[in-house]
Every structure is written in structure tokens, then in C-alpha cells.
All heavy atoms as atom14 arrays in JSON, in Angstrom:
{
  "sequence": "STHDGEESVILGAHQQLIKEVPDALLVLVPRHPERFDA",
  "atom14_mask": [
    [1, 1, 1, 1, 1, 1, 0, 0, 0, 0, 0, 0, 0, 0],
    [1, 1, 1, 1, 1, 1, 1, 0, 0, 0, 0, 0, 0, 0],
    [1, 1, 1, 1, 1, 1, 1, 1, 1, 1, 0, 0, 0, 0],
    [1, 1, 1, 1, 1, 1, 1, 1, 0, 0, 0, 0, 0, 0],
    [1, 1, 1, 1, 0, 0, 0, 0, 0, 0, 0, 0, 0, 0],
    [1, 1, 1, 1, 1, 1, 1, 1, 1, 0, 0, 0, 0, 0],
    [1, 1, 1, 1, 1, 1, 1, 1, 1, 0, 0, 0, 0, 0],
    [1, 1, 1, 1, 1, 1, 0, 0, 0, 0, 0, 0, 0, 0],
    [1, 1, 1, 1, 1, 1, 1, 0, 0, 0, 0, 0, 0, 0],
    [1, 1, 1, 1, 1, 1, 1, 1, 0, 0, 0, 0, 0, 0],
    [1, 1, 1, 1, 1, 1, 1, 1, 0, 0, 0, 0, 0, 0],
    [1, 1, 1, 1, 0, 0, 0, 0, 0, 0, 0, 0, 0, 0],
    [1, 1, 1, 1, 1, 0, 0, 0, 0, 0, 0, 0, 0, 0],
    [1, 1, 1, 1, 1, 1, 1, 1, 1, 1, 0, 0, 0, 0],
    [1, 1, 1, 1, 1, 1, 1, 1, 1, 0, 0, 0, 0, 0],
    [1, 1, 1, 1, 1, 1, 1, 1, 1, 0, 0, 0, 0, 0],
    [1, 1, 1, 1, 1, 1, 1, 1, 0, 0, 0, 0, 0, 0],
    [1, 1, 1, 1, 1, 1, 1, 1, 0, 0, 0, 0, 0, 0],
    [1, 1, 1, 1, 1, 1, 1, 1, 1, 0, 0, 0, 0, 0],
    [1, 1, 1, 1, 1, 1, 1, 1, 1, 0, 0, 0, 0, 0],
    [1, 1, 1, 1, 1, 1, 1, 0, 0, 0, 0, 0, 0, 0],
    [1, 1, 1, 1, 1, 1, 1, 0, 0, 0, 0, 0, 0, 0],
    [1, 1, 1, 1, 1, 1, 1, 1, 0, 0, 0, 0, 0, 0],
    [1, 1, 1, 1, 1, 0, 0, 0, 0, 0, 0, 0, 0, 0],
    [1, 1, 1, 1, 1, 1, 1, 1, 0, 0, 0, 0, 0, 0],
    [1, 1, 1, 1, 1, 1, 1, 1, 0, 0, 0, 0, 0, 0],
    [1, 1, 1, 1, 1, 1, 1, 0, 0, 0, 0, 0, 0, 0],
    [1, 1, 1, 1, 1, 1, 1, 1, 0, 0, 0, 0, 0, 0],
    [1, 1, 1, 1, 1, 1, 1, 0, 0, 0, 0, 0, 0, 0],
    [1, 1, 1, 1, 1, 1, 1, 0, 0, 0, 0, 0, 0, 0],
    [1, 1, 1, 1, 1, 1, 1, 1, 1, 1, 1, 0, 0, 0],
    [1, 1, 1, 1, 1, 1, 1, 1, 1, 1, 0, 0, 0, 0],
    [1, 1, 1, 1, 1, 1, 1, 0, 0, 0, 0, 0, 0, 0],
    [1, 1, 1, 1, 1, 1, 1, 1, 1, 0, 0, 0, 0, 0],
    [1, 1, 1, 1, 1, 1, 1, 1, 1, 1, 1, 0, 0, 0],
    [1, 1, 1, 1, 1, 1, 1, 1, 1, 1, 1, 0, 0, 0],
    [1, 1, 1, 1, 1, 1, 1, 1, 0, 0, 0, 0, 0, 0],
    [1, 1, 1, 1, 1, 0, 0, 0, 0, 0, 0, 0, 0, 0]
  ],
  "atom14_positions": [
    [[0.83, -1.21, 0.0], [0.0, 0.0, 0.0], [0.86, 1.26, 0.0], [0.61, 2.2, 0.76], [-0.95, 0.01, 1.2], [-1.89, -1.02, 1.11], [0.0, 0.0, 0.0], [0.0, 0.0, 0.0], [0.0, 0.0, 0.0], [0.0, 0.0, 0.0], [0.0, 0.0, 0.0], [0.0, 0.0, 0.0], [0.0, 0.0, 0.0], [0.0, 0.0, 0.0]],
    [[1.86, 1.3, -0.87], [2.76, 2.45, -0.92], [2.16, 3.59, -1.75], [1.35, 3.37, -2.64], [4.12, 2.06, -1.52], [3.93, 1.56, -2.85], [4.79, 0.99, -0.67], [0.0, 0.0, 0.0], [0.0, 0.0, 0.0], [0.0, 0.0, 0.0], [0.0, 0.0, 0.0], [0.0, 0.0, 0.0], [0.0, 0.0, 0.0], [0.0, 0.0, 0.0]],
    [[2.61, 4.8, -1.43], [2.13, 6.01, -2.09], [3.28, 6.74, -2.78], [4.45, 6.44, -2.55], [1.46, 6.92, -1.06], [0.18, 6.41, -0.51], [-1.05, 6.87, -0.9], [-0.06, 5.44, 0.41], [-2.0, 6.22, -0.25], [-1.43, 5.34, 0.57], [0.0, 0.0, 0.0], [0.0, 0.0, 0.0], [0.0, 0.0, 0.0], [0.0, 0.0, 0.0]],
    [[2.9, 7.72, -3.59], [3.88, 8.51, -4.33], [4.9, 9.11, -3.36], [4.53, 9.72, -2.36], [3.16, 9.62, -5.1], [4.09, 10.37, -6.03], [5.12, 9.81, -6.44], [3.78, 11.53, -6.35], [0.0, 0.0, 0.0], [0.0, 0.0, 0.0], [0.0, 0.0, 0.0], [0.0, 0.0, 0.0], [0.0, 0.0, 0.0], [0.0, 0.0, 0.0]],
    [[6.16, 8.97, -3.68], [7.23, 9.48, -2.83], [7.82, 8.45, -1.9], [8.96, 8.59, -1.44], [0.0, 0.0, 0.0], [0.0, 0.0, 0.0], [0.0, 0.0, 0.0], [0.0, 0.0, 0.0], [0.0, 0.0, 0.0], [0.0, 0.0, 0.0], [0.0, 0.0, 0.0], [0.0, 0.0, 0.0], [0.0, 0.0, 0.0], [0.0, 0.0, 0.0]],
    [[7.06, 7.39, -1.61], [7.56, 6.37, -0.7], [8.45, 5.35, -1.41], [9.39, 4.81, -0.81], [6.4, 5.63, -0.04], [5.59, 6.5, 0.9], [4.6, 5.7, 1.72], [3.77, 4.99, 1.12], [4.66, 5.77, 2.96], [0.0, 0.0, 0.0], [0.0, 0.0, 0.0], [0.0, 0.0, 0.0], [0.0, 0.0, 0.0], [0.0, 0.0, 0.0]],
    [[8.14, 5.08, -2.68], [8.89, 4.02, -3.38], [10.37, 4.35, -3.49], [11.21, 3.45, -3.46], [8.29, 3.77, -4.77], [6.95, 3.06, -4.74], [5.77, 4.0, -4.66], [6.01, 5.23, -4.74], [4.63, 3.52, -4.53], [0.0, 0.0, 0.0], [0.0, 0.0, 0.0], [0.0, 0.0, 0.0], [0.0, 0.0, 0.0], [0.0, 0.0, 0.0]],
    [[10.71, 5.63, -3.62], [12.13, 5.98, -3.71], [12.85, 5.66, -2.41], [14.0, 5.19, -2.43], [12.29, 7.47, -4.06], [11.65, 8.28, -3.1], [0.0, 0.0, 0.0], [0.0, 0.0, 0.0], [0.0, 0.0, 0.0], [0.0, 0.0, 0.0], [0.0, 0.0, 0.0], [0.0, 0.0, 0.0], [0.0, 0.0, 0.0], [0.0, 0.0, 0.0]],
    [[12.2, 5.86, -1.28], [12.79, 5.49, 0.02], [12.93, 3.98, 0.12], [13.97, 3.45, 0.54], [11.92, 6.03, 1.18], [12.52, 5.62, 2.53], [11.78, 7.54, 1.09], [0.0, 0.0, 0.0], [0.0, 0.0, 0.0], [0.0, 0.0, 0.0], [0.0, 0.0, 0.0], [0.0, 0.0, 0.0], [0.0, 0.0, 0.0], [0.0, 0.0, 0.0]],
    [[11.89, 3.28, -0.29], [11.87, 1.81, -0.19], [12.92, 1.19, -1.11], [13.66, 0.29, -0.71], [10.46, 1.3, -0.53], [9.48, 1.68, 0.6], [10.44, -0.2, -0.78], [8.04, 1.67, 0.2], [0.0, 0.0, 0.0], [0.0, 0.0, 0.0], [0.0, 0.0, 0.0], [0.0, 0.0, 0.0], [0.0, 0.0, 0.0], [0.0, 0.0, 0.0]],
    [[13.0, 1.67, -2.33], [13.98, 1.13, -3.27], [15.4, 1.48, -2.84], [16.33, 0.67, -3.02], [13.69, 1.66, -4.68], [12.39, 1.14, -5.31], [12.02, 1.96, -6.55], [12.5, -0.34, -5.66], [0.0, 0.0, 0.0], [0.0, 0.0, 0.0], [0.0, 0.0, 0.0], [0.0, 0.0, 0.0], [0.0, 0.0, 0.0], [0.0, 0.0, 0.0]],
    [[15.57, 2.67, -2.26], [16.88, 3.02, -1.72], [17.29, 2.1, -0.58], [18.46, 1.68, -0.49], [0.0, 0.0, 0.0], [0.0, 0.0, 0.0], [0.0, 0.0, 0.0], [0.0, 0.0, 0.0], [0.0, 0.0, 0.0], [0.0, 0.0, 0.0], [0.0, 0.0, 0.0], [0.0, 0.0, 0.0], [0.0, 0.0, 0.0], [0.0, 0.0, 0.0]],
    [[16.34, 1.78, 0.28], [16.62, 0.84, 1.38], [16.96, -0.54, 0.84], [17.85, -1.22, 1.36], [15.41, 0.76, 2.32], [0.0, 0.0, 0.0], [0.0, 0.0, 0.0], [0.0, 0.0, 0.0], [0.0, 0.0, 0.0], [0.0, 0.0, 0.0], [0.0, 0.0, 0.0], [0.0, 0.0, 0.0], [0.0, 0.0, 0.0], [0.0, 0.0, 0.0]],
    [[16.27, -0.95, -0.22], [16.53, -2.27, -0.8], [17.93, -2.32, -1.43], [18.61, -3.36, -1.37], [15.46, -2.62, -1.83], [15.45, -4.06, -2.23], [15.31, -5.09, -1.33], [15.56, -4.66, -3.46], [15.33, -6.25, -1.96], [15.5, -6.01, -3.26], [0.0, 0.0, 0.0], [0.0, 0.0, 0.0], [0.0, 0.0, 0.0], [0.0, 0.0, 0.0]],
    [[18.36, -1.21, -2.03], [19.71, -1.14, -2.56], [20.75, -1.38, -1.46], [21.73, -2.1, -1.64], [19.97, 0.22, -3.21], [19.42, 0.37, -4.62], [19.79, 1.69, -5.23], [19.9, 2.7, -4.54], [19.98, 1.71, -6.55], [0.0, 0.0, 0.0], [0.0, 0.0, 0.0], [0.0, 0.0, 0.0], [0.0, 0.0, 0.0], [0.0, 0.0, 0.0]],
    [[20.51, -0.76, -0.3], [21.42, -0.95, 0.82], [21.34, -2.37, 1.36], [22.35, -2.97, 1.72], [21.1, 0.06, 1.94], [21.28, 1.51, 1.55], [20.87, 2.46, 2.65], [21.24, 2.28, 3.81], [20.1, 3.48, 2.31], [0.0, 0.0, 0.0], [0.0, 0.0, 0.0], [0.0, 0.0, 0.0], [0.0, 0.0, 0.0], [0.0, 0.0, 0.0]],
    [[20.13, -2.91, 1.4], [19.92, -4.24, 1.97], [20.66, -5.32, 1.18], [21.31, -6.2, 1.77], [18.42, -4.56, 2.01], [18.02, -5.96, 2.46], [18.41, -6.21, 3.91], [16.51, -6.18, 2.26], [0.0, 0.0, 0.0], [0.0, 0.0, 0.0], [0.0, 0.0, 0.0], [0.0, 0.0, 0.0], [0.0, 0.0, 0.0], [0.0, 0.0, 0.0]],
    [[20.58, -5.27, -0.14], [21.17, -6.36, -0.93], [22.7, -6.33, -0.92], [23.33, -7.31, -1.33], [20.64, -6.35, -2.39], [20.95, -5.05, -3.1], [19.14, -6.64, -2.4], [20.5, -5.03, -4.56], [0.0, 0.0, 0.0], [0.0, 0.0, 0.0], [0.0, 0.0, 0.0], [0.0, 0.0, 0.0], [0.0, 0.0, 0.0], [0.0, 0.0, 0.0]],
    [[23.27, -5.24, -0.43], [24.72, -5.25, -0.24], [25.11, -6.22, 0.87], [26.19, -6.81, 0.85], [25.21, -3.84, 0.1], [25.08, -2.84, -1.05], [25.51, -1.45, -0.6], [25.31, -0.43, -1.72], [25.64, 0.95, -1.29], [0.0, 0.0, 0.0], [0.0, 0.0, 0.0], [0.0, 0.0, 0.0], [0.0, 0.0, 0.0], [0.0, 0.0, 0.0]],
    [[24.23, -6.37, 1.85], [24.48, -7.26, 2.99], [23.74, -8.58, 2.86], [24.19, -9.6, 3.37], [24.05, -6.56, 4.3], [24.7, -5.2, 4.53], [26.21, -5.29, 4.66], [26.72, -6.34, 5.12], [26.88, -4.3, 4.29], [0.0, 0.0, 0.0], [0.0, 0.0, 0.0], [0.0, 0.0, 0.0], [0.0, 0.0, 0.0], [0.0, 0.0, 0.0]],
    [[22.59, -8.55, 2.2], [21.79, -9.76, 2.01], [21.51, -9.86, 0.51], [20.44, -9.48, 0.04], [20.47, -9.7, 2.82], [19.74, -11.05, 2.77], [20.72, -9.28, 4.26], [0.0, 0.0, 0.0], [0.0, 0.0, 0.0], [0.0, 0.0, 0.0], [0.0, 0.0, 0.0], [0.0, 0.0, 0.0], [0.0, 0.0, 0.0], [0.0, 0.0, 0.0]],
    [[22.46, -10.38, -0.27], [22.39, -10.31, -1.74], [21.16, -10.98, -2.35], [20.72, -10.57, -3.43], [23.68, -11.01, -2.19], [24.59, -10.92, -1.02], [23.72, -10.99, 0.19], [0.0, 0.0, 0.0], [0.0, 0.0, 0.0], [0.0, 0.0, 0.0], [0.0, 0.0, 0.0], [0.0, 0.0, 0.0], [0.0, 0.0, 0.0], [0.0, 0.0, 0.0]],
    [[20.63, -12.01, -1.7], [19.48, -12.72, -2.3], [18.14, -12.2, -1.81], [17.1, -12.82, -2.06], [19.6, -14.22, -2.05], [19.61, -14.57, -0.56], [19.93, -13.68, 0.27], [19.33, -15.74, -0.21], [0.0, 0.0, 0.0], [0.0, 0.0, 0.0], [0.0, 0.0, 0.0], [0.0, 0.0, 0.0], [0.0, 0.0, 0.0], [0.0, 0.0, 0.0]],
    [[18.14, -11.05, -1.1], [16.88, -10.49, -0.61], [15.98, -10.08, -1.78], [16.44, -9.57, -2.8], [17.15, -9.28, 0.28], [0.0, 0.0, 0.0], [0.0, 0.0, 0.0], [0.0, 0.0, 0.0], [0.0, 0.0, 0.0], [0.0, 0.0, 0.0], [0.0, 0.0, 0.0], [0.0, 0.0, 0.0], [0.0, 0.0, 0.0], [0.0, 0.0, 0.0]],
    [[14.67, -10.31, -1.62], [13.68, -9.98, -2.65], [12.67, -9.0, -2.06], [12.15, -9.22, -0.96], [12.96, -11.25, -3.12], [11.8, -11.06, -4.1], [12.3, -10.55, -5.44], [11.03, -12.38, -4.29], [0.0, 0.0, 0.0], [0.0, 0.0, 0.0], [0.0, 0.0, 0.0], [0.0, 0.0, 0.0], [0.0, 0.0, 0.0], [0.0, 0.0, 0.0]],
    [[12.4, -7.92, -2.78], [11.38, -6.95, -2.39], [10.11, -7.19, -3.2], [10.14, -7.21, -4.43], [11.89, -5.52, -2.64], [10.84, -4.4, -2.65], [10.13, -4.27, -1.3], [11.49, -3.06, -3.06], [0.0, 0.0, 0.0], [0.0, 0.0, 0.0], [0.0, 0.0, 0.0], [0.0, 0.0, 0.0], [0.0, 0.0, 0.0], [0.0, 0.0, 0.0]],
    [[8.98, -7.34, -2.49], [7.66, -7.4, -3.13], [7.03, -6.02, -2.94], [6.74, -5.61, -1.82], [6.77, -8.49, -2.5], [5.41, -8.52, -3.18], [7.45, -9.85, -2.59], [0.0, 0.0, 0.0], [0.0, 0.0, 0.0], [0.0, 0.0, 0.0], [0.0, 0.0, 0.0], [0.0, 0.0, 0.0], [0.0, 0.0, 0.0], [0.0, 0.0, 0.0]],
    [[6.87, -5.3, -4.03], [6.43, -3.9, -3.96], [5.0, -3.79, -4.49], [4.72, -4.13, -5.63], [7.38, -3.05, -4.81], [7.17, -1.54, -4.82], [7.12, -0.96, -3.41], [8.26, -0.86, -5.64], [0.0, 0.0, 0.0], [0.0, 0.0, 0.0], [0.0, 0.0, 0.0], [0.0, 0.0, 0.0], [0.0, 0.0, 0.0], [0.0, 0.0, 0.0]],
    [[4.09, -3.28, -3.61], [2.66, -3.24, -3.95], [2.13, -1.81, -3.77], [1.79, -1.41, -2.66], [1.85, -4.2, -3.06], [0.41, -4.3, -3.56], [2.49, -5.58, -3.0], [0.0, 0.0, 0.0], [0.0, 0.0, 0.0], [0.0, 0.0, 0.0], [0.0, 0.0, 0.0], [0.0, 0.0, 0.0], [0.0, 0.0, 0.0], [0.0, 0.0, 0.0]],
    [[2.07, -1.02, -4.84], [1.51, 0.33, -4.74], [0.04, 0.29, -4.35], [-0.7, -0.63, -4.69], [1.7, 0.89, -6.16], [2.77, 0.05, -6.77], [2.59, -1.32, -6.19], [0.0, 0.0, 0.0], [0.0, 0.0, 0.0], [0.0, 0.0, 0.0], [0.0, 0.0, 0.0], [0.0, 0.0, 0.0], [0.0, 0.0, 0.0], [0.0, 0.0, 0.0]],
    [[-0.39, 1.34, -3.65], [-1.77, 1.41, -3.17], [-2.76, 1.56, -4.32], [-3.84, 0.97, -4.3], [-1.9, 2.6, -2.21], [-3.32, 2.83, -1.65], [-3.66, 1.84, -0.6], [-4.92, 2.17, 0.07], [-5.45, 1.45, 1.04], [-4.84, 0.36, 1.46], [-6.57, 1.8, 1.62], [0.0, 0.0, 0.0], [0.0, 0.0, 0.0], [0.0, 0.0, 0.0]],
    [[-2.41, 2.38, -5.33], [-3.36, 2.72, -6.38], [-2.93, 2.12, -7.71], [-1.79, 2.29, -8.14], [-3.5, 4.24, -6.5], [-4.02, 4.88, -5.25], [-3.28, 5.75, -4.49], [-5.21, 4.75, -4.62], [-3.99, 6.14, -3.45], [-5.16, 5.54, -3.51], [0.0, 0.0, 0.0], [0.0, 0.0, 0.0], [0.0, 0.0, 0.0], [0.0, 0.0, 0.0]],
    [[-3.86, 1.44, -8.4], [-3.49, 0.73, -9.64], [-3.01, 1.65, -10.75], [-2.22, 1.22, -11.6], [-4.79, 0.01, -10.03], [-5.88, 0.71, -9.29], [-5.26, 1.2, -8.03], [0.0, 0.0, 0.0], [0.0, 0.0, 0.0], [0.0, 0.0, 0.0], [0.0, 0.0, 0.0], [0.0, 0.0, 0.0], [0.0, 0.0, 0.0], [0.0, 0.0, 0.0]],
    [[-3.45, 2.91, -10.75], [-3.0, 3.81, -11.81], [-1.51, 4.13, -11.71], [-0.92, 4.68, -12.65], [-3.82, 5.11, -11.8], [-3.74, 5.92, -10.53], [-4.86, 5.62, -9.55], [-5.36, 4.47, -9.57], [-5.22, 6.53, -8.77], [0.0, 0.0, 0.0], [0.0, 0.0, 0.0], [0.0, 0.0, 0.0], [0.0, 0.0, 0.0], [0.0, 0.0, 0.0]],
    [[-0.87, 3.74, -10.6], [0.56, 4.01, -10.42], [1.42, 2.77, -10.68], [2.65, 2.84, -10.56], [0.83, 4.52, -9.0], [0.1, 5.83, -8.67], [0.53, 6.4, -7.31], [1.95, 6.63, -7.29], [2.82, 5.98, -6.53], [2.4, 5.0, -5.72], [4.09, 6.26, -6.57], [0.0, 0.0, 0.0], [0.0, 0.0, 0.0], [0.0, 0.0, 0.0]],
    [[0.81, 1.65, -11.01], [1.59, 0.42, -11.19], [2.72, 0.58, -12.19], [3.87, 0.23, -11.92], [0.67, -0.73, -11.64], [-0.24, -1.27, -10.57], [-1.38, -1.99, -10.92], [0.02, -1.07, -9.22], [-2.23, -2.51, -9.94], [-0.82, -1.58, -8.24], [-1.95, -2.29, -8.6], [0.0, 0.0, 0.0], [0.0, 0.0, 0.0], [0.0, 0.0, 0.0]],
    [[2.4, 1.12, -13.37], [3.42, 1.22, -14.43], [4.54, 2.18, -14.03], [5.72, 1.91, -14.27], [2.78, 1.68, -15.74], [1.88, 0.61, -16.36], [2.07, -0.58, -16.03], [1.0, 0.97, -17.15], [0.0, 0.0, 0.0], [0.0, 0.0, 0.0], [0.0, 0.0, 0.0], [0.0, 0.0, 0.0], [0.0, 0.0, 0.0], [0.0, 0.0, 0.0]],
    [[4.15, 3.31, -13.42], [5.16, 4.29, -13.01], [6.11, 3.72, -11.97], [7.33, 3.94, -12.02], [4.48, 5.55, -12.47], [0.0, 0.0, 0.0], [0.0, 0.0, 0.0], [0.0, 0.0, 0.0], [0.0, 0.0, 0.0], [0.0, 0.0, 0.0], [0.0, 0.0, 0.0], [0.0, 0.0, 0.0], [0.0, 0.0, 0.0], [0.0, 0.0, 0.0]]
  ]
}
């Protein structure tokens, strides 16, 4: 249920995470369907 502006924080955190946990997988689910492609 992420909103505009949050995904950049989340993806930035995932970039840091995979440096320490290389096989980590992020499941990213935006709140509004009109934002899926973006």
C-alpha cells in the first residue's frame, strides 16, 4: 500500500539491503493501480 514518494525510500533501502543480504527480494505493492506502471 505504498504512495507517491515512498517508493524511492523503499527502493533506496533495498539497494542498501542487498549489499548485505544479496538474495533479498522486495515485493512492492503500490496502493493505487493507476501508479503500477510508473
